[in-house]
Amino acid sequence: KQMNENKKIPKRYRTDIPAIIEKWGSLNSGKVINTTLSEIFEICERDYRKRLSYYGLINYLKREYDVTLVIESQKQK
């Protein structure tokens, strides 16, 4: 299940996936990527700087690559 970087990537994630691979390395099954909202926003820009803007990407990575993307919020609790 290794050559999964050659998958057909939906248009909306076409720039995100290569940027993620460049930053964190190959998307191996079971991988967990811990990042912050600021960091993910720099490499995968969205219209809104909110975690919910990345839910689609999080679900896509989990479904297609079995990669868990964890975005920490920097808001003070």
N, C-alpha and C. Protein backbone atom coordinates (compact mmCIF):
# COMPACT_ATOMS: atom_id res chain seq x y z
N LYS A 1 0.85 -1.20 0.00
CA LYS A 1 0.00 0.00 0.00
C LYS A 1 0.89 1.25 0.00
N GLN A 2 2.01 1.16 -0.68
CA GLN A 2 3.00 2.22 -0.56
C GLN A 2 2.88 3.32 -1.61
N MET A 3 2.68 2.97 -2.85
CA MET A 3 2.71 3.99 -3.92
C MET A 3 1.43 4.81 -3.98
N ASN A 4 0.86 5.11 -2.83
CA ASN A 4 -0.40 5.82 -2.82
C ASN A 4 -0.27 7.31 -3.11
N GLU A 5 0.95 7.80 -3.33
CA GLU A 5 1.08 9.21 -3.70
C GLU A 5 0.75 9.43 -5.18
N ASN A 6 0.61 8.35 -5.93
CA ASN A 6 0.26 8.47 -7.34
C ASN A 6 -1.25 8.41 -7.55
N LYS A 7 -1.99 8.41 -6.48
CA LYS A 7 -3.45 8.43 -6.54
C LYS A 7 -3.95 9.65 -7.30
N LYS A 8 -5.13 9.49 -7.89
CA LYS A 8 -5.76 10.65 -8.52
C LYS A 8 -6.30 11.53 -7.39
N ILE A 9 -5.78 12.73 -7.32
CA ILE A 9 -6.15 13.65 -6.24
C ILE A 9 -7.24 14.60 -6.72
N PRO A 10 -8.33 14.74 -5.96
CA PRO A 10 -9.37 15.70 -6.35
C PRO A 10 -8.79 17.11 -6.48
N LYS A 11 -9.36 17.86 -7.38
CA LYS A 11 -8.85 19.20 -7.71
C LYS A 11 -8.63 20.07 -6.47
N ARG A 12 -9.55 20.03 -5.52
CA ARG A 12 -9.43 20.93 -4.38
C ARG A 12 -8.28 20.59 -3.45
N TYR A 13 -7.72 19.37 -3.56
CA TYR A 13 -6.58 18.99 -2.72
C TYR A 13 -5.30 18.87 -3.52
N ARG A 14 -5.33 19.26 -4.79
CA ARG A 14 -4.21 19.05 -5.68
C ARG A 14 -2.93 19.77 -5.25
N THR A 15 -3.06 20.93 -4.65
CA THR A 15 -1.86 21.64 -4.16
C THR A 15 -1.56 21.25 -2.72
N ASP A 16 -2.60 20.84 -1.97
CA ASP A 16 -2.42 20.49 -0.55
C ASP A 16 -1.56 19.25 -0.37
N ILE A 17 -1.88 18.18 -1.11
CA ILE A 17 -1.20 16.90 -0.91
C ILE A 17 0.31 17.00 -1.18
N PRO A 18 0.74 17.57 -2.33
CA PRO A 18 2.20 17.71 -2.52
C PRO A 18 2.85 18.59 -1.45
N ALA A 19 2.16 19.63 -1.00
CA ALA A 19 2.71 20.51 0.03
C ALA A 19 2.87 19.76 1.35
N ILE A 20 1.90 18.92 1.67
CA ILE A 20 1.96 18.11 2.89
C ILE A 20 3.10 17.10 2.80
N ILE A 21 3.25 16.46 1.64
CA ILE A 21 4.32 15.48 1.45
C ILE A 21 5.68 16.17 1.55
N GLU A 22 5.79 17.37 0.98
CA GLU A 22 7.05 18.12 1.04
C GLU A 22 7.42 18.47 2.48
N LYS A 23 6.41 18.84 3.27
CA LYS A 23 6.66 19.27 4.65
C LYS A 23 6.88 18.10 5.61
N TRP A 24 6.05 17.06 5.50
CA TRP A 24 6.08 15.98 6.49
C TRP A 24 6.50 14.62 5.93
N GLY A 25 6.87 14.58 4.67
CA GLY A 25 7.30 13.30 4.10
C GLY A 25 6.14 12.48 3.57
N SER A 26 6.45 11.28 3.11
CA SER A 26 5.43 10.47 2.42
C SER A 26 4.27 10.12 3.34
N LEU A 27 3.12 9.90 2.70
CA LEU A 27 1.89 9.63 3.43
C LEU A 27 1.74 8.12 3.62
N ASN A 28 2.45 7.60 4.62
CA ASN A 28 2.38 6.17 4.91
C ASN A 28 1.13 5.87 5.73
N SER A 29 0.58 4.70 5.48
CA SER A 29 -0.58 4.26 6.24
C SER A 29 -0.29 4.28 7.73
N GLY A 30 -1.20 4.87 8.50
CA GLY A 30 -1.03 4.92 9.95
C GLY A 30 -0.28 6.14 10.45
N LYS A 31 0.23 6.96 9.54
CA LYS A 31 0.99 8.15 9.94
C LYS A 31 0.09 9.16 10.65
N VAL A 32 0.66 9.84 11.63
CA VAL A 32 -0.05 10.91 12.33
C VAL A 32 0.74 12.19 12.16
N ILE A 33 0.09 13.23 11.66
CA ILE A 33 0.72 14.53 11.48
C ILE A 33 0.10 15.49 12.49
N ASN A 34 0.92 15.99 13.40
CA ASN A 34 0.46 16.98 14.36
C ASN A 34 0.94 18.35 13.89
N THR A 35 0.02 19.27 13.77
CA THR A 35 0.38 20.60 13.30
C THR A 35 -0.49 21.63 14.02
N THR A 36 -0.19 22.88 13.76
CA THR A 36 -1.01 23.95 14.31
C THR A 36 -1.80 24.58 13.17
N LEU A 37 -2.80 25.32 13.52
CA LEU A 37 -3.61 26.00 12.52
C LEU A 37 -2.75 26.95 11.70
N SER A 38 -1.85 27.68 12.37
CA SER A 38 -0.97 28.63 11.66
C SER A 38 -0.09 27.91 10.65
N GLU A 39 0.46 26.77 11.07
CA GLU A 39 1.38 26.03 10.21
C GLU A 39 0.66 25.45 8.98
N ILE A 40 -0.50 24.83 9.19
CA ILE A 40 -1.23 24.23 8.07
C ILE A 40 -1.75 25.33 7.13
N PHE A 41 -2.12 26.46 7.71
CA PHE A 41 -2.61 27.58 6.89
C PHE A 41 -1.53 28.11 5.96
N GLU A 42 -0.28 28.06 6.41
CA GLU A 42 0.83 28.52 5.56
C GLU A 42 1.05 27.63 4.34
N ILE A 43 0.86 26.32 4.50
CA ILE A 43 1.13 25.43 3.37
C ILE A 43 -0.13 25.03 2.60
N CYS A 44 -1.28 25.05 3.25
CA CYS A 44 -2.56 24.72 2.59
C CYS A 44 -3.54 25.85 2.88
N GLU A 45 -3.43 26.91 2.10
CA GLU A 45 -4.21 28.09 2.40
C GLU A 45 -5.71 27.87 2.16
N ARG A 46 -6.51 28.47 3.00
CA ARG A 46 -7.97 28.41 2.89
C ARG A 46 -8.53 29.83 2.96
N ASP A 47 -9.80 29.97 2.61
CA ASP A 47 -10.45 31.28 2.70
C ASP A 47 -10.56 31.74 4.15
N TYR A 48 -10.80 30.80 5.03
CA TYR A 48 -10.95 31.14 6.45
C TYR A 48 -9.90 30.40 7.26
N ARG A 49 -9.32 31.09 8.23
CA ARG A 49 -8.30 30.50 9.08
C ARG A 49 -8.99 29.83 10.27
N LYS A 50 -9.71 28.75 9.96
CA LYS A 50 -10.44 28.03 11.00
C LYS A 50 -10.20 26.54 10.81
N ARG A 51 -10.25 25.79 11.91
CA ARG A 51 -10.04 24.35 11.80
C ARG A 51 -11.08 23.71 10.91
N LEU A 52 -12.30 24.19 10.95
CA LEU A 52 -13.34 23.53 10.16
C LEU A 52 -13.08 23.67 8.66
N SER A 53 -12.26 24.64 8.26
CA SER A 53 -11.88 24.77 6.85
C SER A 53 -11.08 23.56 6.37
N TYR A 54 -10.51 22.81 7.31
CA TYR A 54 -9.65 21.68 6.96
C TYR A 54 -10.31 20.33 7.19
N TYR A 55 -11.57 20.31 7.61
CA TYR A 55 -12.24 19.03 7.88
C TYR A 55 -12.28 18.14 6.64
N GLY A 56 -12.52 18.73 5.49
CA GLY A 56 -12.53 17.95 4.24
C GLY A 56 -11.19 17.30 3.98
N LEU A 57 -10.13 18.08 4.15
CA LEU A 57 -8.77 17.57 3.95
C LEU A 57 -8.45 16.48 4.97
N ILE A 58 -8.82 16.70 6.23
CA ILE A 58 -8.59 15.71 7.29
C ILE A 58 -9.28 14.39 6.92
N ASN A 59 -10.53 14.48 6.51
CA ASN A 59 -11.29 13.28 6.13
C ASN A 59 -10.72 12.61 4.90
N TYR A 60 -10.31 13.41 3.93
CA TYR A 60 -9.71 12.86 2.70
C TYR A 60 -8.42 12.10 3.01
N LEU A 61 -7.55 12.70 3.82
CA LEU A 61 -6.29 12.04 4.18
C LEU A 61 -6.55 10.74 4.92
N LYS A 62 -7.53 10.74 5.81
CA LYS A 62 -7.85 9.54 6.58
C LYS A 62 -8.41 8.45 5.66
N ARG A 63 -9.33 8.83 4.80
CA ARG A 63 -10.00 7.87 3.92
C ARG A 63 -9.05 7.30 2.88
N GLU A 64 -8.29 8.17 2.22
CA GLU A 64 -7.48 7.73 1.08
C GLU A 64 -6.09 7.24 1.45
N TYR A 65 -5.52 7.77 2.52
CA TYR A 65 -4.13 7.45 2.85
C TYR A 65 -3.98 6.82 4.23
N ASP A 66 -5.07 6.76 5.01
CA ASP A 66 -5.01 6.32 6.40
C ASP A 66 -4.00 7.16 7.19
N VAL A 67 -4.01 8.47 6.91
CA VAL A 67 -3.14 9.42 7.61
C VAL A 67 -4.03 10.29 8.48
N THR A 68 -3.64 10.46 9.74
CA THR A 68 -4.40 11.28 10.67
C THR A 68 -3.74 12.65 10.75
N LEU A 69 -4.50 13.67 10.38
CA LEU A 69 -4.01 15.05 10.47
C LEU A 69 -4.66 15.68 11.70
N VAL A 70 -3.82 16.07 12.67
CA VAL A 70 -4.30 16.68 13.90
C VAL A 70 -3.91 18.14 13.88
N ILE A 71 -4.91 19.01 13.90
CA ILE A 71 -4.65 20.45 13.89
C ILE A 71 -4.97 21.01 15.27
N GLU A 72 -3.91 21.44 15.94
CA GLU A 72 -4.08 22.03 17.28
C GLU A 72 -4.54 23.48 17.11
N SER A 73 -5.47 23.87 17.92
CA SER A 73 -5.90 25.25 17.93
C SER A 73 -5.03 26.02 18.92
N GLN A 74 -4.68 27.25 18.56
CA GLN A 74 -3.86 28.04 19.47
C GLN A 74 -4.69 28.95 20.37
N LYS A 75 -6.01 28.83 20.23
CA LYS A 75 -6.87 29.66 21.08
C LYS A 75 -6.64 29.30 22.54
N GLN A 76 -6.65 30.30 23.37
CA GLN A 76 -6.50 30.07 24.82
C GLN A 76 -7.81 29.53 25.35
N LYS A 77 -7.71 28.48 26.12
CA LYS A 77 -8.93 27.87 26.69
C LYS A 77 -9.38 28.65 27.91
